[in-house]
Amino acid sequence: MVPFFIGANGALLILTGVYGLLVKGIGVDVPLGLLVGNIVMLGHYLLIGVGADETLKTRKTDKAKFRSNTWFFIRYFGVFIIYAVLLTFGLISIATSLPPLFFPKIYYFASAFTTRHTE
């Protein structure tokens, strides 16, 4: 999984770097956006694990649903606040900060086609 993330980040940085040079000029927002996107992605998936662990510790179904929904809200509200603040001040590029959120989904989707399943 790590080689995929490194390759995907490198490809995204090259593509957006070329775009930045041709359209916007040289700026810090492109690499900073990629860095922030990766940090947000890692934090998001870390909170998925913490939320799932907390939910599975709960014995009652209603309380487990409430905890699951609470962790869902915390994750997405946190992502929204981080992006809203950084984009409002123009510190990051949206083109490089959002794609890392989809890297794990792309990896697991592609691995379904490359992994052999025995029946």
C-alpha atoms as a PDB file:
ATOM      1  CA  MET A   1       0.000   0.000   0.000  1.00  0.00           C
ATOM      2  CA  VAL A   2       2.859   2.405   0.769  1.00  0.00           C
ATOM      3  CA  PRO A   3       4.375   2.154  -2.747  1.00  0.00           C
ATOM      4  CA  PHE A   4       0.959   2.994  -4.185  1.00  0.00           C
ATOM      5  CA  PHE A   5       0.662   6.092  -1.990  1.00  0.00           C
ATOM      6  CA  ILE A   6       4.162   7.229  -2.898  1.00  0.00           C
ATOM      7  CA  GLY A   7       3.519   6.716  -6.615  1.00  0.00           C
ATOM      8  CA  ALA A   8       0.099   8.347  -6.496  1.00  0.00           C
ATOM      9  CA  ASN A   9       1.456  11.346  -4.588  1.00  0.00           C
ATOM     10  CA  GLY A  10       4.378  11.670  -6.993  1.00  0.00           C
ATOM     11  CA  ALA A  11       2.132  11.514 -10.036  1.00  0.00           C
ATOM     12  CA  LEU A  12      -0.300  14.010  -8.529  1.00  0.00           C
ATOM     13  CA  LEU A  13       2.518  16.366  -7.578  1.00  0.00           C
ATOM     14  CA  ILE A  14       4.004  16.216 -11.087  1.00  0.00           C
ATOM     15  CA  LEU A  15       0.647  16.758 -12.810  1.00  0.00           C
ATOM     16  CA  THR A  16      -0.414  19.624 -10.575  1.00  0.00           C
ATOM     17  CA  GLY A  17       3.088  21.087 -10.638  1.00  0.00           C
ATOM     18  CA  VAL A  18       3.003  21.262 -14.426  1.00  0.00           C
ATOM     19  CA  TYR A  19      -0.499  22.754 -14.228  1.00  0.00           C
ATOM     20  CA  GLY A  20       0.697  25.281 -11.652  1.00  0.00           C
ATOM     21  CA  LEU A  21       3.652  26.335 -13.775  1.00  0.00           C
ATOM     22  CA  LEU A  22       1.611  26.689 -16.951  1.00  0.00           C
ATOM     23  CA  VAL A  23      -1.493  28.329 -15.500  1.00  0.00           C
ATOM     24  CA  LYS A  24      -0.848  29.856 -12.097  1.00  0.00           C
ATOM     25  CA  GLY A  25       2.876  30.284 -11.772  1.00  0.00           C
ATOM     26  CA  ILE A  26       5.099  28.949  -9.009  1.00  0.00           C
ATOM     27  CA  GLY A  27       3.450  28.836  -5.608  1.00  0.00           C
ATOM     28  CA  VAL A  28       3.480  27.060  -2.294  1.00  0.00           C
ATOM     29  CA  ASP A  29      -0.211  26.160  -2.393  1.00  0.00           C
ATOM     30  CA  VAL A  30       0.287  23.095  -4.625  1.00  0.00           C
ATOM     31  CA  PRO A  31       2.794  21.122  -2.498  1.00  0.00           C
ATOM     32  CA  LEU A  32       1.195  22.407   0.716  1.00  0.00           C
ATOM     33  CA  GLY A  33      -2.189  21.212  -0.549  1.00  0.00           C
ATOM     34  CA  LEU A  34      -0.750  17.760  -1.195  1.00  0.00           C
ATOM     35  CA  LEU A  35       0.800  17.635   2.270  1.00  0.00           C
ATOM     36  CA  VAL A  36      -2.435  18.765   3.942  1.00  0.00           C
ATOM     37  CA  GLY A  37      -4.457  16.307   1.862  1.00  0.00           C
ATOM     38  CA  ASN A  38      -2.283  13.409   3.006  1.00  0.00           C
ATOM     39  CA  ILE A  39      -2.424  14.484   6.642  1.00  0.00           C
ATOM     40  CA  VAL A  40      -6.207  14.843   6.490  1.00  0.00           C
ATOM     41  CA  MET A  41      -6.493  11.447   4.776  1.00  0.00           C
ATOM     42  CA  LEU A  42      -4.382   9.752   7.453  1.00  0.00           C
ATOM     43  CA  GLY A  43      -6.314  11.456  10.240  1.00  0.00           C
ATOM     44  CA  HIS A  44      -9.607  10.539   8.614  1.00  0.00           C
ATOM     45  CA  TYR A  45      -8.735   6.861   8.379  1.00  0.00           C
ATOM     46  CA  LEU A  46      -7.275   6.866  11.882  1.00  0.00           C
ATOM     47  CA  LEU A  47     -10.595   8.221  13.177  1.00  0.00           C
ATOM     48  CA  ILE A  48     -12.441   5.520  11.227  1.00  0.00           C
ATOM     49  CA  GLY A  49     -10.489   2.925  13.196  1.00  0.00           C
ATOM     50  CA  VAL A  50     -11.016   4.672  16.527  1.00  0.00           C
ATOM     51  CA  GLY A  51     -14.717   5.119  15.823  1.00  0.00           C
ATOM     52  CA  ALA A  52     -15.152   1.492  14.806  1.00  0.00           C
ATOM     53  CA  ASP A  53     -13.329   0.349  17.937  1.00  0.00           C
ATOM     54  CA  GLU A  54     -15.494   2.534  20.173  1.00  0.00           C
ATOM     55  CA  THR A  55     -18.666   1.383  18.422  1.00  0.00           C
ATOM     56  CA  LEU A  56     -17.766  -2.300  18.750  1.00  0.00           C
ATOM     57  CA  LYS A  57     -17.150  -1.897  22.483  1.00  0.00           C
ATOM     58  CA  THR A  58     -20.782  -0.845  22.943  1.00  0.00           C
ATOM     59  CA  ARG A  59     -23.208  -3.593  23.926  1.00  0.00           C
ATOM     60  CA  LYS A  60     -26.552  -1.914  23.173  1.00  0.00           C
ATOM     61  CA  THR A  61     -27.591  -1.490  19.542  1.00  0.00           C
ATOM     62  CA  ASP A  62     -29.088   1.983  19.955  1.00  0.00           C
ATOM     63  CA  LYS A  63     -26.005   3.286  21.722  1.00  0.00           C
ATOM     64  CA  ALA A  64     -23.746   1.691  19.089  1.00  0.00           C
ATOM     65  CA  LYS A  65     -25.682   3.411  16.284  1.00  0.00           C
ATOM     66  CA  PHE A  66     -25.414   6.715  18.118  1.00  0.00           C
ATOM     67  CA  ARG A  67     -21.646   6.309  18.586  1.00  0.00           C
ATOM     68  CA  SER A  68     -21.179   5.308  14.959  1.00  0.00           C
ATOM     69  CA  ASN A  69     -23.108   8.345  13.749  1.00  0.00           C
ATOM     70  CA  THR A  70     -21.231  10.598  16.169  1.00  0.00           C
ATOM     71  CA  TRP A  71     -17.847   9.430  14.886  1.00  0.00           C
ATOM     72  CA  PHE A  72     -19.087   9.849  11.305  1.00  0.00           C
ATOM     73  CA  PHE A  73     -20.073  13.446  12.083  1.00  0.00           C
ATOM     74  CA  ILE A  74     -16.774  14.171  13.858  1.00  0.00           C
ATOM     75  CA  ARG A  75     -14.741  12.871  10.903  1.00  0.00           C
ATOM     76  CA  TYR A  76     -16.533  14.780   8.188  1.00  0.00           C
ATOM     77  CA  PHE A  77     -17.034  17.951  10.218  1.00  0.00           C
ATOM     78  CA  GLY A  78     -13.305  17.979  10.967  1.00  0.00           C
ATOM     79  CA  VAL A  79     -12.438  17.561   7.292  1.00  0.00           C
ATOM     80  CA  PHE A  80     -14.892  20.332   6.387  1.00  0.00           C
ATOM     81  CA  ILE A  81     -13.487  22.763   8.963  1.00  0.00           C
ATOM     82  CA  ILE A  82      -9.871  22.107   7.966  1.00  0.00           C
ATOM     83  CA  TYR A  83     -10.580  22.610   4.271  1.00  0.00           C
ATOM     84  CA  ALA A  84     -12.872  25.592   4.828  1.00  0.00           C
ATOM     85  CA  VAL A  85     -10.255  27.471   6.828  1.00  0.00           C
ATOM     86  CA  LEU A  86      -7.313  26.657   4.578  1.00  0.00           C
ATOM     87  CA  LEU A  87      -9.191  27.341   1.344  1.00  0.00           C
ATOM     88  CA  THR A  88     -10.676  30.575   2.677  1.00  0.00           C
ATOM     89  CA  PHE A  89      -7.201  31.955   3.272  1.00  0.00           C
ATOM     90  CA  GLY A  90      -5.872  30.506  -0.009  1.00  0.00           C
ATOM     91  CA  LEU A  91      -3.165  28.468   1.679  1.00  0.00           C
ATOM     92  CA  ILE A  92      -3.737  25.230  -0.245  1.00  0.00           C
ATOM     93  CA  SER A  93      -4.709  24.136  -3.716  1.00  0.00           C
ATOM     94  CA  ILE A  94      -7.957  22.199  -3.939  1.00  0.00           C
ATOM     95  CA  ALA A  95      -6.570  20.267  -6.917  1.00  0.00           C
ATOM     96  CA  THR A  96      -3.865  18.667  -4.770  1.00  0.00           C
ATOM     97  CA  SER A  97      -5.568  18.489  -1.395  1.00  0.00           C
ATOM     98  CA  LEU A  98      -8.716  16.511  -2.254  1.00  0.00           C
ATOM     99  CA  PRO A  99      -7.358  13.554  -4.306  1.00  0.00           C
ATOM    100  CA  PRO A 100      -5.414  12.007  -1.378  1.00  0.00           C
ATOM    101  CA  LEU A 101      -8.758  11.432   0.369  1.00  0.00           C
ATOM    102  CA  PHE A 102      -9.604   8.986  -2.423  1.00  0.00           C
ATOM    103  CA  PHE A 103      -6.254   7.149  -2.538  1.00  0.00           C
ATOM    104  CA  PRO A 104      -7.299   4.341  -0.133  1.00  0.00           C
ATOM    105  CA  LYS A 105     -10.549   3.791  -2.058  1.00  0.00           C
ATOM    106  CA  ILE A 106      -8.698   3.656  -5.359  1.00  0.00           C
ATOM    107  CA  TYR A 107      -6.122   1.275  -3.895  1.00  0.00           C
ATOM    108  CA  TYR A 108      -8.687  -1.155  -2.499  1.00  0.00           C
ATOM    109  CA  PHE A 109     -10.798  -0.989  -5.658  1.00  0.00           C
ATOM    110  CA  ALA A 110      -7.784  -1.732  -7.864  1.00  0.00           C
ATOM    111  CA  SER A 111      -6.517  -4.468  -5.553  1.00  0.00           C
ATOM    112  CA  ALA A 112      -9.797  -6.343  -6.029  1.00  0.00           C
ATOM    113  CA  PHE A 113      -8.815  -6.818  -9.670  1.00  0.00           C
ATOM    114  CA  THR A 114      -5.199  -7.727  -9.034  1.00  0.00           C
ATOM    115  CA  THR A 115      -5.670 -10.135  -6.123  1.00  0.00           C
ATOM    116  CA  ARG A 116      -6.397 -13.766  -6.914  1.00  0.00           C
ATOM    117  CA  HIS A 117      -9.267 -15.267  -4.989  1.00  0.00           C
ATOM    118  CA  THR A 118      -9.491 -18.992  -4.459  1.00  0.00           C
ATOM    119  CA  GLU A 119     -12.814 -20.679  -4.052  1.00  0.00           C
END
